[in-house]
Amino acid sequence: QMQLVESGGGLVQAGGSLRLSCAASGSIFSINAMGWYRQAPGKQRELVAAITKGGSTNYADSVEGRFTISRDNAKNTLYLQMNSLKPEDTGVYYCNAPVVVIKYNYWGQGTQVTVSS
């Protein structure tokens, strides 16, 4: 059974930090790559950070140098450390495995991040 539960969002001032967490079922987490996606108001969902099971990471240009993705394979948990937040980082953040997105289009409830100026 697939399950994704995101947490850690909230309201923060520009320049602040938040740490998101995602508890995933083993059926999803055992898949190689995981990622954090963001859906800003009125925009399509986009992949902002990804990590392989071995720890290789990749970031969207808009968050490079400010966000850090990490994973705990023993706990089936994904993290996103977000620093130097900007108002344009506002949106609902989701974790997922890209292959799950493509094959099943299954999503968790997401966690809202709001950055005030």
C-alpha atoms as a PDB file:
ATOM      1  CA  GLN A   1       0.000   0.000   0.000  1.00  0.00           C
ATOM      2  CA  MET A   2       1.334   3.410  -0.925  1.00  0.00           C
ATOM      3  CA  GLN A   3       1.397   6.206   1.620  1.00  0.00           C
ATOM      4  CA  LEU A   4       3.024   9.638   1.740  1.00  0.00           C
ATOM      5  CA  VAL A   5       2.628  11.950   4.739  1.00  0.00           C
ATOM      6  CA  GLU A   6       4.246  15.378   4.573  1.00  0.00           C
ATOM      7  CA  SER A   7       4.698  17.671   7.575  1.00  0.00           C
ATOM      8  CA  GLY A   8       6.647  20.686   8.804  1.00  0.00           C
ATOM      9  CA  GLY A   9       5.134  23.483   6.769  1.00  0.00           C
ATOM     10  CA  GLY A  10       3.991  26.790   8.186  1.00  0.00           C
ATOM     11  CA  LEU A  11       4.128  30.558   7.983  1.00  0.00           C
ATOM     12  CA  VAL A  12       7.579  32.143   8.046  1.00  0.00           C
ATOM     13  CA  GLN A  13       9.033  35.539   7.249  1.00  0.00           C
ATOM     14  CA  ALA A  14      11.330  36.043   4.293  1.00  0.00           C
ATOM     15  CA  GLY A  15      14.851  34.974   5.194  1.00  0.00           C
ATOM     16  CA  GLY A  16      13.619  32.354   7.622  1.00  0.00           C
ATOM     17  CA  SER A  17      13.948  28.577   7.588  1.00  0.00           C
ATOM     18  CA  LEU A  18      11.730  25.519   7.690  1.00  0.00           C
ATOM     19  CA  ARG A  19      12.397  21.798   7.684  1.00  0.00           C
ATOM     20  CA  LEU A  20       9.915  19.544   5.939  1.00  0.00           C
ATOM     21  CA  SER A  21       9.573  15.831   6.609  1.00  0.00           C
ATOM     22  CA  CYS A  22       7.922  13.072   4.631  1.00  0.00           C
ATOM     23  CA  ALA A  23       7.065   9.630   5.962  1.00  0.00           C
ATOM     24  CA  ALA A  24       6.728   7.221   3.070  1.00  0.00           C
ATOM     25  CA  SER A  25       5.599   3.634   2.889  1.00  0.00           C
ATOM     26  CA  GLY A  26       8.338   1.157   2.137  1.00  0.00           C
ATOM     27  CA  SER A  27       6.747   0.330  -1.192  1.00  0.00           C
ATOM     28  CA  ILE A  28       7.535   3.865  -2.327  1.00  0.00           C
ATOM     29  CA  PHE A  29      10.723   4.617  -0.417  1.00  0.00           C
ATOM     30  CA  SER A  30      12.475   1.490  -1.640  1.00  0.00           C
ATOM     31  CA  ILE A  31      12.307   2.972  -5.111  1.00  0.00           C
ATOM     32  CA  ASN A  32      15.589   4.603  -6.006  1.00  0.00           C
ATOM     33  CA  ALA A  33      14.883   8.297  -6.359  1.00  0.00           C
ATOM     34  CA  MET A  34      12.671  10.530  -4.222  1.00  0.00           C
ATOM     35  CA  GLY A  35      11.876  14.194  -4.641  1.00  0.00           C
ATOM     36  CA  TRP A  36      10.169  17.253  -3.263  1.00  0.00           C
ATOM     37  CA  TYR A  37       7.653  18.996  -5.472  1.00  0.00           C
ATOM     38  CA  ARG A  38       6.129  22.446  -5.074  1.00  0.00           C
ATOM     39  CA  GLN A  39       2.830  23.810  -6.347  1.00  0.00           C
ATOM     40  CA  ALA A  40       2.630  27.573  -6.126  1.00  0.00           C
ATOM     41  CA  PRO A  41      -0.752  29.315  -6.352  1.00  0.00           C
ATOM     42  CA  GLY A  42      -1.985  29.299  -9.934  1.00  0.00           C
ATOM     43  CA  LYS A  43       1.008  27.319 -11.192  1.00  0.00           C
ATOM     44  CA  GLN A  44       1.754  23.739 -12.111  1.00  0.00           C
ATOM     45  CA  ARG A  45       3.502  21.442  -9.681  1.00  0.00           C
ATOM     46  CA  GLU A  46       7.266  21.402 -10.201  1.00  0.00           C
ATOM     47  CA  LEU A  47      10.122  19.250  -8.949  1.00  0.00           C
ATOM     48  CA  VAL A  48      12.442  21.365  -6.798  1.00  0.00           C
ATOM     49  CA  ALA A  49      14.814  18.761  -5.335  1.00  0.00           C
ATOM     50  CA  ALA A  50      15.606  15.091  -5.872  1.00  0.00           C
ATOM     51  CA  ILE A  51      17.808  12.487  -4.236  1.00  0.00           C
ATOM     52  CA  THR A  52      18.812   8.966  -5.197  1.00  0.00           C
ATOM     53  CA  LYS A  53      18.942   6.091  -2.749  1.00  0.00           C
ATOM     54  CA  GLY A  54      22.717   6.541  -2.692  1.00  0.00           C
ATOM     55  CA  GLY A  55      22.462  10.204  -1.767  1.00  0.00           C
ATOM     56  CA  SER A  56      23.136  11.997  -5.049  1.00  0.00           C
ATOM     57  CA  THR A  57      21.129  15.203  -5.197  1.00  0.00           C
ATOM     58  CA  ASN A  58      19.799  17.588  -7.804  1.00  0.00           C
ATOM     59  CA  TYR A  59      18.054  20.947  -7.397  1.00  0.00           C
ATOM     60  CA  ALA A  60      16.023  23.373  -9.432  1.00  0.00           C
ATOM     61  CA  ASP A  61      17.903  26.581 -10.170  1.00  0.00           C
ATOM     62  CA  SER A  62      15.409  28.541  -8.088  1.00  0.00           C
ATOM     63  CA  VAL A  63      16.357  26.726  -4.851  1.00  0.00           C
ATOM     64  CA  GLU A  64      19.988  25.769  -5.485  1.00  0.00           C
ATOM     65  CA  GLY A  65      22.158  26.825  -2.553  1.00  0.00           C
ATOM     66  CA  ARG A  66      19.180  27.453  -0.241  1.00  0.00           C
ATOM     67  CA  PHE A  67      17.443  24.063   0.013  1.00  0.00           C
ATOM     68  CA  THR A  68      18.967  20.746   1.053  1.00  0.00           C
ATOM     69  CA  ILE A  69      17.270  17.406   0.449  1.00  0.00           C
ATOM     70  CA  SER A  70      18.199  14.368   2.508  1.00  0.00           C
ATOM     71  CA  ARG A  71      16.819  10.925   3.324  1.00  0.00           C
ATOM     72  CA  ASP A  72      16.967   8.365   6.105  1.00  0.00           C
ATOM     73  CA  ASN A  73      16.627   5.005   4.398  1.00  0.00           C
ATOM     74  CA  ALA A  74      16.274   3.165   7.721  1.00  0.00           C
ATOM     75  CA  LYS A  75      13.243   5.290   8.646  1.00  0.00           C
ATOM     76  CA  ASN A  76      11.718   5.631   5.149  1.00  0.00           C
ATOM     77  CA  THR A  77      11.784   9.387   5.699  1.00  0.00           C
ATOM     78  CA  LEU A  78      12.633  12.239   3.358  1.00  0.00           C
ATOM     79  CA  TYR A  79      13.612  15.740   4.471  1.00  0.00           C
ATOM     80  CA  LEU A  80      13.877  19.188   2.941  1.00  0.00           C
ATOM     81  CA  GLN A  81      15.809  21.871   4.805  1.00  0.00           C
ATOM     82  CA  MET A  82      14.781  25.246   3.436  1.00  0.00           C
ATOM     83  CA  ASN A  83      16.880  28.301   4.297  1.00  0.00           C
ATOM     84  CA  SER A  84      16.799  31.933   3.159  1.00  0.00           C
ATOM     85  CA  LEU A  85      13.166  31.527   2.210  1.00  0.00           C
ATOM     86  CA  LYS A  86      11.613  33.942  -0.274  1.00  0.00           C
ATOM     87  CA  PRO A  87       7.960  34.846  -0.885  1.00  0.00           C
ATOM     88  CA  GLU A  88       8.168  32.993  -4.212  1.00  0.00           C
ATOM     89  CA  ASP A  89       8.826  29.775  -2.275  1.00  0.00           C
ATOM     90  CA  THR A  90       5.215  29.892  -1.104  1.00  0.00           C
ATOM     91  CA  GLY A  91       3.183  26.868  -2.093  1.00  0.00           C
ATOM     92  CA  VAL A  92       2.125  23.366  -1.161  1.00  0.00           C
ATOM     93  CA  TYR A  93       5.062  20.994  -0.908  1.00  0.00           C
ATOM     94  CA  TYR A  94       4.733  17.304  -1.731  1.00  0.00           C
ATOM     95  CA  CYS A  95       7.182  14.436  -1.567  1.00  0.00           C
ATOM     96  CA  ASN A  96       7.068  11.599  -4.062  1.00  0.00           C
ATOM     97  CA  ALA A  97       9.051   9.220  -6.176  1.00  0.00           C
ATOM     98  CA  PRO A  98       9.160  10.334  -9.807  1.00  0.00           C
ATOM     99  CA  VAL A  99       8.315   6.830 -11.009  1.00  0.00           C
ATOM    100  CA  VAL A 100       5.186   6.825  -8.802  1.00  0.00           C
ATOM    101  CA  VAL A 101       4.140  10.152 -10.281  1.00  0.00           C
ATOM    102  CA  ILE A 102       4.479   8.777 -13.798  1.00  0.00           C
ATOM    103  CA  LYS A 103       2.908   5.350 -13.247  1.00  0.00           C
ATOM    104  CA  TYR A 104       0.202   6.050 -10.648  1.00  0.00           C
ATOM    105  CA  ASN A 105      -0.152   9.816 -10.205  1.00  0.00           C
ATOM    106  CA  TYR A 106      -0.548   9.123  -6.463  1.00  0.00           C
ATOM    107  CA  TRP A 107       0.067  12.057  -4.082  1.00  0.00           C
ATOM    108  CA  GLY A 108      -0.084  12.717  -0.368  1.00  0.00           C
ATOM    109  CA  GLN A 109      -1.905  15.696   1.140  1.00  0.00           C
ATOM    110  CA  GLY A 110       1.133  17.983   1.003  1.00  0.00           C
ATOM    111  CA  THR A 111       2.193  20.627   3.504  1.00  0.00           C
ATOM    112  CA  GLN A 112       1.589  24.356   3.066  1.00  0.00           C
ATOM    113  CA  VAL A 113       4.548  26.743   3.173  1.00  0.00           C
ATOM    114  CA  THR A 114       3.808  30.450   3.257  1.00  0.00           C
ATOM    115  CA  VAL A 115       6.616  33.005   3.177  1.00  0.00           C
ATOM    116  CA  SER A 116       5.663  36.574   4.010  1.00  0.00           C
ATOM    117  CA  SER A 117       7.628  39.575   2.780  1.00  0.00           C
END
